Amino acid sequence: MFQTAELGIKVSKKEFKQRELVLRENLLELQHRLQEEGRFPVIVDFAGVRGAGKGTSINLLNKWMDARWIVTHAYTEPSDEERLRPTFWRFWRRLPPKGQIGIFLSGRYSRPLLDYVYENIGQDEFRHQLDRINNFEKALADDGALVLKFWMHISQEVQYKRLKVLENDPLRSWRMAPIDWKHYEMYDRFIDAAERIISYTNTGHAPWEIVEGEDLLYRSLRVGEVLQMMLERQLTKEPLRQRYLAEMREEVHNKVIEAQTGNGQVTPAVTILDGLDFSLALDKKTYKKELALLQARLAMAHQSAAAKDVSVVLVFEGPDAAGKGGVIRRITDPLDARYYKVFPFAAPNDVENAQHYLWRFWNCIGRAGRMGIFDRSWYGRVLVERVERFAGDDEWRRAFAEINDFEDQLIEHGIVLLKFWLQISKEEQLRRFKEREETPYKRWKLSEEDWRNRERWDDYALAAHEMIQQTSVMRSPWVLVENEDKLYGRIKVLRTLCEALDQKVQKKT
């Protein structure tokens, strides 16, 4: 694979200066177009052999382009904060917004590469980690991002010379570490791992470019010119892609409307929510007794979980006025406020809209031992954004796989993930709406949007049905809560949470 990157290609200083002037001008123009149009972000990754010129190439890109719209992140060993969260948290939080360029050194490929080389993981785990990377890159690319990866290569002979020069240079020797010579001795092992990585992750949406790194001038031009070519292509393609998607979405929408008006059946005769028993209820005496016992149990279980660095993520979804706030209050009442946080989500703001929809949720994943409670969540993509057409058919359909992958990562990290769908009847919702209208201290809970959503009850029921069908998997099933009677629903949620925490704490003992 790397034989084509050991050809000894060189560029003269005269040729370099000529091509550099044109390249810099073109890159600046493209970068400003990128920023002005703000259609997509650019993610550029650098990996490769030690001494192949990754740092120099990155420095040149920063020199050639406008520093206001480009940022570089160099990853070292995970910090304490990063170790206390799922692996990809550190990558999601540093993604550039639309219109900007993010350059990443020693990023998401470093850990699987080193783990494989040092035989800390086998083939299966190696593939699993690469699958995670592929899913991450696909999610970004599907959202419009330009993902470009450079593998900087030199032969073992050239690497030896580079390391010797660096070692003997008083001004640069600080860049050397004992591990560099050890990795030099393991050169073949690193190349084998690199070939596997590139073969497995070289995709149409996130391609690798192998760059010969022996000649400084050649490699610099090659990196810049490939970036120029890919930027030109993406800036041309993205408006066309967005226009095509908009047309397709409109066509799909019109067909749905046509089916509805033509006596077609869009909403299934029976959804999974129709099977819930709304007669389930508790009397106040039983409720108070159960509540006291379960809240005491929850307080102890959460203390034990925090002491063992067990994190908890709770997701609450359901129709307006389904009682999510009341349930959340009964959960938080007995807990230490230092160890939990409630995240109420509404429509994304401008900063959030400039990122992938999962970005704002990844940023809310707390450190080990904390509880995050989500009042509305990432499921908005397949619920309100689907129903209200803020997301196209293509976007919300692929979101099912993206969400499942996101939740898998939380669970693999040891997080207790519980998803609660609180359901009430349409008649009960109307009763609660009217109660809010008539109660001064509850009026703030009711808005015009709530009434508008109520008119789309059947559409939301269909969306919820399909959402549960696609994302209620063995590792993270949905808990359907019959909340017609609030007392019953609160107890069901608390009992489910206590049982999950107890089970997790016992496994950690």
Protein backbone atom coordinates (compact mmCIF):
# COMPACT_ATOMS: atom_id res chain seq x y z
CA MET A 1 0.00 0.00 0.00
CA PHE A 2 2.77 2.47 0.92
CA GLN A 3 5.13 1.64 -1.96
CA THR A 4 3.60 4.50 -3.95
CA ALA A 5 4.60 6.85 -1.13
CA GLU A 6 8.28 5.89 -1.31
CA LEU A 7 9.03 7.04 -4.87
CA GLY A 8 11.35 9.86 -3.86
CA ILE A 9 9.33 12.63 -5.51
CA LYS A 10 10.93 16.05 -5.13
CA VAL A 11 9.99 19.61 -5.94
CA SER A 12 12.51 22.39 -6.58
CA LYS A 13 12.41 25.59 -4.53
CA LYS A 14 11.60 27.58 -7.65
CA GLU A 15 8.65 25.37 -8.56
CA PHE A 16 7.47 25.37 -4.95
CA LYS A 17 7.39 29.17 -4.78
CA GLN A 18 5.46 29.41 -8.03
CA ARG A 19 2.86 26.86 -7.04
CA GLU A 20 2.68 28.13 -3.46
CA LEU A 21 1.58 31.62 -4.54
CA VAL A 22 -1.30 30.24 -6.59
CA LEU A 23 -2.21 27.70 -3.90
CA ARG A 24 -2.35 30.25 -1.09
CA GLU A 25 -4.55 32.57 -3.11
CA ASN A 26 -6.93 29.76 -4.03
CA LEU A 27 -7.13 28.38 -0.49
CA LEU A 28 -7.91 31.81 0.95
CA GLU A 29 -10.62 32.43 -1.63
CA LEU A 30 -12.18 29.03 -0.99
CA GLN A 31 -11.97 29.48 2.77
CA HIS A 32 -13.77 32.82 2.60
CA ARG A 33 -16.47 31.27 0.39
CA LEU A 34 -16.82 28.48 2.91
CA GLN A 35 -17.22 30.96 5.76
CA GLU A 36 -19.62 33.27 3.92
CA GLU A 37 -21.90 30.49 2.70
CA GLY A 38 -21.76 28.57 5.99
CA ARG A 39 -23.17 25.41 4.45
CA PHE A 40 -20.83 22.81 5.94
CA PRO A 41 -17.80 22.33 8.21
CA VAL A 42 -14.44 20.93 7.12
CA ILE A 43 -12.72 18.25 9.20
CA VAL A 44 -9.11 17.52 8.27
CA ASP A 45 -7.27 14.70 10.05
CA PHE A 46 -3.52 14.08 10.06
CA ALA A 47 -1.98 10.77 10.99
CA GLY A 48 1.08 8.83 9.93
CA VAL A 49 4.64 7.85 10.58
CA ARG A 50 6.65 9.77 13.17
CA GLY A 51 8.84 12.33 11.40
CA ALA A 52 6.79 12.38 8.18
CA GLY A 53 5.90 16.06 8.49
CA LYS A 54 2.45 16.16 10.05
CA GLY A 55 3.23 19.14 12.26
CA THR A 56 4.97 21.08 9.50
CA SER A 57 2.06 20.54 7.11
CA ILE A 58 -0.44 21.70 9.70
CA ASN A 59 1.61 24.82 10.45
CA LEU A 60 1.73 25.68 6.75
CA LEU A 61 -2.04 25.33 6.34
CA ASN A 62 -2.54 27.69 9.26
CA LYS A 63 -0.04 30.10 7.71
CA TRP A 64 -1.64 29.98 4.27
CA MET A 65 -5.23 30.49 5.42
CA ASP A 66 -7.21 32.96 7.54
CA ALA A 67 -6.58 32.11 11.20
CA ARG A 68 -10.03 33.36 12.23
CA TRP A 69 -11.82 30.48 10.54
CA ILE A 70 -9.43 27.60 11.16
CA VAL A 71 -8.58 25.86 14.42
CA THR A 72 -6.12 23.06 15.20
CA HIS A 73 -6.54 20.40 17.88
CA ALA A 74 -3.68 18.10 18.85
CA TYR A 75 -4.77 15.13 20.93
CA THR A 76 -2.52 13.63 23.55
CA GLU A 77 -3.46 11.08 26.18
CA PRO A 78 -7.03 11.58 27.41
CA SER A 79 -7.34 13.97 30.35
CA ASP A 80 -9.05 12.96 33.59
CA GLU A 81 -12.23 14.70 32.41
CA GLU A 82 -12.13 12.81 29.12
CA ARG A 83 -11.51 9.41 30.71
CA LEU A 84 -14.64 9.91 32.80
CA ARG A 85 -16.77 10.06 29.66
CA PRO A 86 -17.30 7.94 26.54
CA THR A 87 -14.35 7.98 24.11
CA PHE A 88 -15.96 10.07 21.39
CA TRP A 89 -17.00 12.85 23.76
CA ARG A 90 -13.60 14.50 23.26
CA PHE A 91 -14.03 14.43 19.49
CA TRP A 92 -17.63 15.60 19.29
CA ARG A 93 -17.10 18.64 21.52
CA ARG A 94 -14.29 20.04 19.35
CA LEU A 95 -16.01 19.77 15.99
CA PRO A 96 -15.90 22.98 13.94
CA PRO A 97 -19.21 24.71 13.14
CA LYS A 98 -20.46 25.15 9.59
CA GLY A 99 -18.27 27.53 7.64
CA GLN A 100 -15.06 26.73 9.53
CA ILE A 101 -12.13 24.31 9.24
CA GLY A 102 -10.99 22.02 12.04
CA ILE A 103 -7.58 20.33 11.81
CA PHE A 104 -6.96 17.33 14.04
CA LEU A 105 -3.62 15.72 14.89
CA SER A 106 -3.33 12.34 16.61
CA GLY A 107 -7.10 12.13 16.78
CA ARG A 108 -9.53 9.25 16.81
CA TYR A 109 -7.16 6.83 15.03
CA SER A 110 -4.32 7.00 17.56
CA ARG A 111 -5.86 4.84 20.26
CA PRO A 112 -6.94 1.88 18.09
CA LEU A 113 -3.59 2.03 16.25
CA LEU A 114 -1.52 1.91 19.43
CA ASP A 115 -3.75 -0.66 21.12
CA TYR A 116 -3.46 -2.96 18.12
CA VAL A 117 0.29 -2.50 17.72
CA TYR A 118 0.88 -3.24 21.41
CA GLU A 119 -1.54 -6.19 21.24
CA ASN A 120 -3.82 -4.72 23.90
CA ILE A 121 -6.77 -5.58 21.68
CA GLY A 122 -7.49 -8.37 19.22
CA GLN A 123 -8.83 -8.28 15.69
CA ASP A 124 -12.48 -8.16 16.77
CA GLU A 125 -12.07 -5.19 19.11
CA PHE A 126 -9.85 -3.47 16.54
CA ARG A 127 -12.61 -3.79 13.93
CA HIS A 128 -15.19 -2.66 16.46
CA GLN A 129 -13.27 0.55 17.18
CA LEU A 130 -12.86 1.22 13.46
CA ASP A 131 -16.59 0.65 12.97
CA ARG A 132 -17.21 3.33 15.59
CA ILE A 133 -14.97 5.70 13.64
CA ASN A 134 -16.72 4.88 10.36
CA ASN A 135 -20.11 5.55 11.95
CA PHE A 136 -18.87 8.85 13.38
CA GLU A 137 -17.48 10.02 10.04
CA LYS A 138 -20.56 8.90 8.14
CA ALA A 139 -22.86 10.80 10.50
CA LEU A 140 -20.83 13.98 9.90
CA ALA A 141 -20.61 13.47 6.14
CA ASP A 142 -24.32 12.68 5.83
CA ASP A 143 -24.95 16.00 7.54
CA GLY A 144 -22.89 17.75 4.86
CA ALA A 145 -19.41 17.90 6.43
CA LEU A 146 -16.28 17.57 4.31
CA VAL A 147 -14.12 14.91 6.00
CA LEU A 148 -10.59 14.53 4.65
CA LYS A 149 -7.79 12.40 6.11
CA PHE A 150 -4.05 12.58 5.36
CA TRP A 151 -1.69 9.72 6.13
CA MET A 152 1.88 11.11 6.05
CA HIS A 153 4.38 8.39 5.13
CA ILE A 154 8.14 7.90 5.04
CA SER A 155 10.24 4.74 4.82
CA GLN A 156 11.97 3.29 7.86
CA GLU A 157 15.33 4.41 6.47
CA VAL A 158 14.17 8.01 6.14
CA GLN A 159 12.58 7.88 9.56
CA TYR A 160 15.90 6.81 11.10
CA LYS A 161 17.67 9.80 9.54
CA ARG A 162 14.95 12.19 10.69
CA LEU A 163 15.07 10.95 14.26
CA LYS A 164 18.87 11.21 14.36
CA VAL A 165 18.82 14.79 13.10
CA LEU A 166 16.13 15.69 15.61
CA GLU A 167 17.99 14.00 18.45
CA ASN A 168 21.20 15.91 17.71
CA ASP A 169 19.57 19.31 17.23
CA PRO A 170 19.83 21.28 20.51
CA LEU A 171 16.90 23.49 19.51
CA ARG A 172 14.56 20.63 18.62
CA SER A 173 15.71 17.67 20.66
CA TRP A 174 12.99 18.38 23.21
CA ARG A 175 10.55 17.00 20.66
CA MET A 176 12.13 13.57 21.00
CA ALA A 177 10.93 11.04 23.53
CA PRO A 178 12.31 7.59 24.44
CA ILE A 179 9.17 6.05 22.97
CA ASP A 180 10.12 7.36 19.51
CA TRP A 181 13.01 4.94 19.15
CA LYS A 182 10.90 2.10 20.47
CA HIS A 183 8.28 2.83 17.82
CA TYR A 184 11.03 2.99 15.21
CA GLU A 185 11.97 -0.59 16.12
CA MET A 186 8.29 -1.54 15.72
CA TYR A 187 8.01 0.14 12.30
CA ASP A 188 6.72 -2.93 10.46
CA ARG A 189 4.09 -3.53 13.09
CA PHE A 190 2.88 0.07 12.77
CA ILE A 191 2.75 -0.17 8.98
CA ASP A 192 0.72 -3.37 9.15
CA ALA A 193 -1.78 -1.70 11.50
CA ALA A 194 -1.89 1.41 9.30
CA GLU A 195 -2.67 -0.64 6.21
CA ARG A 196 -5.56 -2.29 8.03
CA ILE A 197 -6.88 1.06 9.26
CA ILE A 198 -6.73 2.73 5.87
CA SER A 199 -8.28 -0.24 4.06
CA TYR A 200 -11.15 -0.41 6.54
CA THR A 201 -11.86 3.32 6.86
CA ASN A 202 -11.12 4.64 3.36
CA THR A 203 -14.67 5.50 2.38
CA GLY A 204 -16.26 7.71 -0.24
CA HIS A 205 -17.52 10.10 2.44
CA ALA A 206 -14.21 10.20 4.36
CA PRO A 207 -11.30 9.28 2.07
CA TRP A 208 -7.66 8.84 2.99
CA GLU A 209 -4.93 10.60 1.03
CA ILE A 210 -1.52 8.94 1.41
CA VAL A 211 1.20 11.59 1.12
CA GLU A 212 4.88 10.90 0.55
CA GLY A 213 6.64 12.84 3.28
CA GLU A 214 10.31 12.62 2.40
CA ASP A 215 10.50 15.94 0.53
CA LEU A 216 9.20 18.85 2.59
CA LEU A 217 8.27 20.97 -0.41
CA TYR A 218 6.43 18.22 -2.25
CA ARG A 219 4.41 17.06 0.74
CA SER A 220 3.41 20.63 1.59
CA LEU A 221 2.12 21.28 -1.91
CA ARG A 222 0.41 17.90 -2.06
CA VAL A 223 -1.54 18.48 1.16
CA GLY A 224 -2.55 21.99 0.14
CA GLU A 225 -3.56 21.05 -3.38
CA VAL A 226 -5.64 18.06 -2.26
CA LEU A 227 -7.42 20.26 0.27
CA GLN A 228 -7.99 22.85 -2.46
CA MET A 229 -9.45 20.25 -4.81
CA MET A 230 -11.77 18.79 -2.17
CA LEU A 231 -12.96 22.22 -1.04
CA GLU A 232 -13.74 23.24 -4.62
CA ARG A 233 -15.66 20.04 -5.15
CA GLN A 234 -17.64 20.32 -1.91
CA LEU A 235 -18.46 24.02 -2.42
CA THR A 236 -19.86 23.15 -5.83
CA LYS A 237 -21.62 19.97 -4.77
CA GLU A 238 -23.23 21.02 -1.49
CA PRO A 239 -25.71 23.62 -2.88
CA LEU A 240 -26.78 21.07 -5.51
CA ARG A 241 -27.15 18.37 -2.85
CA GLN A 242 -29.24 20.60 -0.62
CA ARG A 243 -31.43 21.66 -3.54
CA TYR A 244 -31.95 18.04 -4.58
CA LEU A 245 -32.83 17.01 -1.03
CA ALA A 246 -35.27 19.90 -0.69
CA GLU A 247 -37.01 18.84 -3.90
CA MET A 248 -37.14 15.20 -2.82
CA ARG A 249 -38.52 16.16 0.60
CA GLU A 250 -41.22 18.26 -1.03
CA GLU A 251 -42.10 15.39 -3.33
CA VAL A 252 -42.37 12.95 -0.44
CA HIS A 253 -44.49 15.42 1.54
CA ASN A 254 -46.86 15.93 -1.38
CA LYS A 255 -47.29 12.19 -1.79
CA VAL A 256 -48.17 11.86 1.91
CA ILE A 257 -50.72 14.67 1.64
CA GLU A 258 -52.14 13.05 -1.49
CA ALA A 259 -52.50 9.74 0.32
CA GLN A 260 -54.23 11.41 3.25
CA THR A 261 -56.68 13.34 1.11
CA GLY A 262 -57.28 10.34 -1.11
CA ASN A 263 -58.58 8.22 1.77
CA GLY A 264 -55.23 6.56 2.13
CA GLN A 265 -54.27 5.11 5.50
CA VAL A 266 -51.13 6.76 6.81
CA THR A 267 -51.39 6.20 10.54
CA PRO A 268 -51.48 2.50 11.43
CA ALA A 269 -54.77 1.20 12.75
CA VAL A 270 -53.07 0.33 15.99
CA THR A 271 -49.84 1.77 17.37
CA ILE A 272 -47.82 0.36 20.24
CA LEU A 273 -49.12 3.22 22.39
CA ASP A 274 -52.72 2.12 21.85
CA GLY A 275 -51.97 -1.06 23.76
CA LEU A 276 -51.28 0.74 27.04
CA ASP A 277 -53.70 0.27 29.91
CA PHE A 278 -54.81 3.74 31.05
CA SER A 279 -56.94 2.31 33.83
CA LEU A 280 -53.83 1.65 35.95
CA ALA A 281 -53.94 3.85 39.03
CA LEU A 282 -52.89 4.21 42.65
CA ASP A 283 -54.77 5.64 45.58
CA LYS A 284 -53.09 8.50 47.44
CA LYS A 285 -52.35 6.46 50.55
CA THR A 286 -50.55 3.74 48.62
CA TYR A 287 -48.78 6.35 46.49
CA LYS A 288 -47.40 8.28 49.49
CA LYS A 289 -46.12 5.08 51.08
CA GLU A 290 -44.50 3.85 47.85
CA LEU A 291 -43.06 7.28 47.09
CA ALA A 292 -41.35 7.57 50.47
CA LEU A 293 -39.83 4.09 50.21
CA LEU A 294 -38.65 4.48 46.64
CA GLN A 295 -37.18 7.95 47.14
CA ALA A 296 -35.21 6.69 50.15
CA ARG A 297 -34.06 3.70 48.08
CA LEU A 298 -33.13 5.99 45.18
CA ALA A 299 -31.08 8.30 47.40
CA MET A 300 -29.03 5.38 48.72
CA ALA A 301 -28.65 3.77 45.29
CA HIS A 302 -27.51 7.04 43.72
CA GLN A 303 -24.95 7.62 46.47
CA SER A 304 -23.56 4.14 45.90
CA ALA A 305 -23.52 4.69 42.14
CA ALA A 306 -21.69 8.02 42.50
CA ALA A 307 -19.13 6.43 44.82
CA LYS A 308 -18.45 3.76 42.19
CA ASP A 309 -18.34 6.30 39.32
CA VAL A 310 -21.51 4.93 37.77
CA SER A 311 -23.13 7.54 35.52
CA VAL A 312 -26.84 7.71 34.76
CA VAL A 313 -28.62 9.17 31.74
CA LEU A 314 -32.41 9.46 31.91
CA VAL A 315 -34.45 10.39 28.84
CA PHE A 316 -38.04 11.59 29.09
CA GLU A 317 -40.27 11.92 26.05
CA GLY A 318 -44.00 11.98 25.50
CA PRO A 319 -46.89 14.22 24.46
CA ASP A 320 -47.29 17.72 25.89
CA ALA A 321 -48.73 17.64 29.43
CA ALA A 322 -47.85 13.96 29.84
CA GLY A 323 -46.30 14.66 33.25
CA LYS A 324 -42.57 14.63 32.51
CA GLY A 325 -41.84 17.56 34.82
CA GLY A 326 -43.71 15.99 37.74
CA VAL A 327 -41.82 12.72 37.37
CA ILE A 328 -38.47 14.51 37.16
CA ARG A 329 -39.21 16.44 40.36
CA ARG A 330 -39.92 13.21 42.24
CA ILE A 331 -36.59 11.86 41.06
CA THR A 332 -34.53 14.90 42.00
CA ASP A 333 -36.21 15.62 45.37
CA PRO A 334 -34.18 13.06 47.36
CA LEU A 335 -30.89 13.53 45.45
CA ASP A 336 -27.81 15.61 46.16
CA ALA A 337 -28.03 18.52 43.70
CA ARG A 338 -24.26 18.40 43.16
CA TYR A 339 -24.52 15.04 41.43
CA TYR A 340 -27.29 15.56 38.90
CA LYS A 341 -28.33 18.05 36.24
CA VAL A 342 -31.60 18.47 34.38
CA PHE A 343 -31.37 19.43 30.70
CA PRO A 344 -34.60 20.87 29.27
CA PHE A 345 -34.32 20.94 25.48
CA ALA A 346 -36.28 23.09 23.09
CA ALA A 347 -35.56 24.11 19.49
CA PRO A 348 -31.80 24.45 18.78
CA ASN A 349 -30.30 27.96 18.77
CA ASP A 350 -28.03 29.38 16.05
CA VAL A 351 -24.85 27.95 17.61
CA GLU A 352 -26.42 24.48 17.86
CA ASN A 353 -27.86 24.66 14.34
CA ALA A 354 -24.32 25.18 13.03
CA GLN A 355 -23.42 21.68 14.27
CA HIS A 356 -24.63 18.13 13.79
CA TYR A 357 -27.86 17.64 15.78
CA LEU A 358 -26.16 15.19 18.19
CA TRP A 359 -23.44 17.71 19.08
CA ARG A 360 -25.42 19.54 21.75
CA PHE A 361 -26.36 16.27 23.44
CA TRP A 362 -22.82 14.89 23.45
CA ASN A 363 -21.75 18.10 25.19
CA CYS A 364 -24.21 17.37 27.99
CA ILE A 365 -22.83 13.93 28.84
CA GLY A 366 -21.54 14.30 32.38
CA ARG A 367 -18.50 12.82 34.06
CA ALA A 368 -18.54 9.46 35.81
CA GLY A 369 -20.75 9.33 38.88
CA ARG A 370 -23.18 12.00 37.68
CA MET A 371 -26.82 11.80 36.60
CA GLY A 372 -28.04 13.64 33.53
CA ILE A 373 -31.82 14.02 33.14
CA PHE A 374 -33.02 14.96 29.66
CA ASP A 375 -36.44 16.61 29.41
CA ARG A 376 -36.74 16.08 25.66
CA SER A 377 -33.69 14.75 23.91
CA TRP A 378 -32.00 13.63 20.70
CA TYR A 379 -35.27 11.94 19.82
CA GLY A 380 -36.52 15.33 18.71
CA ARG A 381 -34.94 14.53 15.32
CA VAL A 382 -37.40 11.65 14.77
CA LEU A 383 -40.36 13.28 16.51
CA VAL A 384 -40.97 17.03 16.30
CA GLU A 385 -38.38 17.63 13.55
CA ARG A 386 -39.94 14.83 11.50
CA VAL A 387 -43.55 15.85 12.04
CA GLU A 388 -42.97 19.57 11.55
CA ARG A 389 -40.67 18.94 8.55
CA PHE A 390 -37.61 20.58 10.10
CA ALA A 391 -35.79 17.38 9.10
CA GLY A 392 -36.24 15.74 5.74
CA ASP A 393 -37.22 12.12 5.20
CA ASP A 394 -33.59 11.22 4.56
CA GLU A 395 -32.42 12.92 7.77
CA TRP A 396 -34.84 11.45 10.28
CA ARG A 397 -34.66 7.96 8.76
CA ARG A 398 -30.87 7.73 9.09
CA ALA A 399 -31.14 9.23 12.59
CA PHE A 400 -32.42 5.89 13.93
CA ALA A 401 -29.04 4.24 13.26
CA GLU A 402 -27.15 7.32 14.51
CA ILE A 403 -29.12 7.35 17.76
CA ASN A 404 -28.66 3.62 18.32
CA ASP A 405 -24.91 4.04 17.82
CA PHE A 406 -24.80 7.03 20.19
CA GLU A 407 -26.63 5.11 22.91
CA ASP A 408 -24.45 2.03 22.39
CA GLN A 409 -21.41 4.17 23.15
CA LEU A 410 -22.96 5.41 26.38
CA ILE A 411 -23.78 1.88 27.49
CA GLU A 412 -20.35 0.49 26.52
CA HIS A 413 -18.84 3.15 28.75
CA GLY A 414 -20.83 1.77 31.66
CA ILE A 415 -23.55 4.43 31.76
CA VAL A 416 -26.99 3.41 32.99
CA LEU A 417 -29.30 4.59 30.21
CA LEU A 418 -33.06 4.59 30.77
CA LYS A 419 -35.58 5.93 28.26
CA PHE A 420 -39.09 6.70 29.44
CA TRP A 421 -42.02 7.42 27.16
CA LEU A 422 -44.84 8.92 29.22
CA GLN A 423 -48.21 8.47 27.54
CA ILE A 424 -51.69 9.84 28.18
CA SER A 425 -54.89 9.73 26.16
CA LYS A 426 -55.91 12.55 23.87
CA GLU A 427 -58.88 13.26 26.15
CA GLU A 428 -56.67 13.48 29.24
CA GLN A 429 -54.35 15.88 27.45
CA LEU A 430 -57.28 18.20 26.71
CA ARG A 431 -58.35 18.06 30.35
CA ARG A 432 -54.83 18.98 31.51
CA PHE A 433 -54.59 21.80 28.98
CA LYS A 434 -57.82 23.33 30.27
CA GLU A 435 -56.66 22.90 33.87
CA ARG A 436 -53.49 24.83 33.03
CA GLU A 437 -55.53 27.59 31.43
CA GLU A 438 -57.66 27.94 34.52
CA THR A 439 -54.84 27.77 37.08
CA PRO A 440 -52.80 31.02 37.31
CA TYR A 441 -49.54 29.39 38.42
CA LYS A 442 -49.79 26.76 35.68
CA ARG A 443 -50.61 29.00 32.72
CA TRP A 444 -46.94 29.43 31.82
CA LYS A 445 -46.84 25.72 30.97
CA LEU A 446 -49.34 26.15 28.12
CA SER A 447 -48.45 27.76 24.81
CA GLU A 448 -49.88 28.14 21.33
CA GLU A 449 -47.36 25.54 20.20
CA ASP A 450 -48.95 23.00 22.58
CA TRP A 451 -52.36 23.53 20.94
CA ARG A 452 -50.80 23.31 17.48
CA ASN A 453 -49.03 20.05 18.36
CA ARG A 454 -52.31 18.64 19.63
CA GLU A 455 -53.80 19.07 16.15
CA ARG A 456 -51.05 16.72 14.89
CA TRP A 457 -51.77 14.04 17.50
CA ASP A 458 -52.05 11.21 14.95
CA ASP A 459 -48.85 12.28 13.18
CA TYR A 460 -46.94 12.29 16.46
CA ALA A 461 -48.44 8.90 17.36
CA LEU A 462 -47.13 7.46 14.08
CA ALA A 463 -43.70 9.01 14.64
CA ALA A 464 -43.54 7.67 18.22
CA HIS A 465 -44.62 4.22 17.06
CA GLU A 466 -41.83 4.03 14.49
CA MET A 467 -39.32 5.57 16.89
CA ILE A 468 -39.99 2.92 19.53
CA GLN A 469 -39.94 0.21 16.89
CA GLN A 470 -36.51 1.29 15.60
CA THR A 471 -34.75 2.29 18.83
CA SER A 472 -36.17 0.01 21.52
CA VAL A 473 -33.32 -2.49 21.36
CA MET A 474 -32.16 -5.06 23.88
CA ARG A 475 -29.40 -2.89 25.35
CA SER A 476 -31.55 0.25 25.63
CA PRO A 477 -35.27 -0.54 25.51
CA TRP A 478 -38.00 2.05 25.89
CA VAL A 479 -39.98 1.97 29.13
CA LEU A 480 -43.58 2.85 28.27
CA VAL A 481 -45.28 4.57 31.19
CA GLU A 482 -49.05 4.75 31.49
CA ASN A 483 -49.33 8.22 33.02
CA GLU A 484 -53.05 8.83 32.78
CA ASP A 485 -52.84 8.57 36.56
CA LYS A 486 -49.80 10.62 37.54
CA LEU A 487 -49.38 8.79 40.82
CA TYR A 488 -49.09 5.43 39.11
CA GLY A 489 -46.69 6.76 36.48
CA ARG A 490 -44.33 8.35 38.98
CA ILE A 491 -44.06 5.16 40.99
CA LYS A 492 -43.42 3.07 37.88
CA VAL A 493 -40.57 5.34 36.81
CA LEU A 494 -39.01 5.46 40.28
CA ARG A 495 -39.20 1.69 40.70
CA THR A 496 -37.63 1.10 37.28
CA LEU A 497 -34.81 3.53 38.06
CA CYS A 498 -34.09 2.03 41.49
CA GLU A 499 -33.98 -1.51 40.09
CA ALA A 500 -31.59 -0.48 37.30
CA LEU A 501 -29.26 1.33 39.71
CA ASP A 502 -29.25 -1.52 42.22
CA GLN A 503 -28.42 -4.00 39.48
CA LYS A 504 -25.57 -1.86 38.15
CA VAL A 505 -24.08 -1.18 41.58
CA GLN A 506 -24.13 -4.88 42.41
CA LYS A 507 -22.20 -5.65 39.22
CA LYS A 508 -19.58 -3.03 40.19
CA THR A 509 -19.13 -4.50 43.67
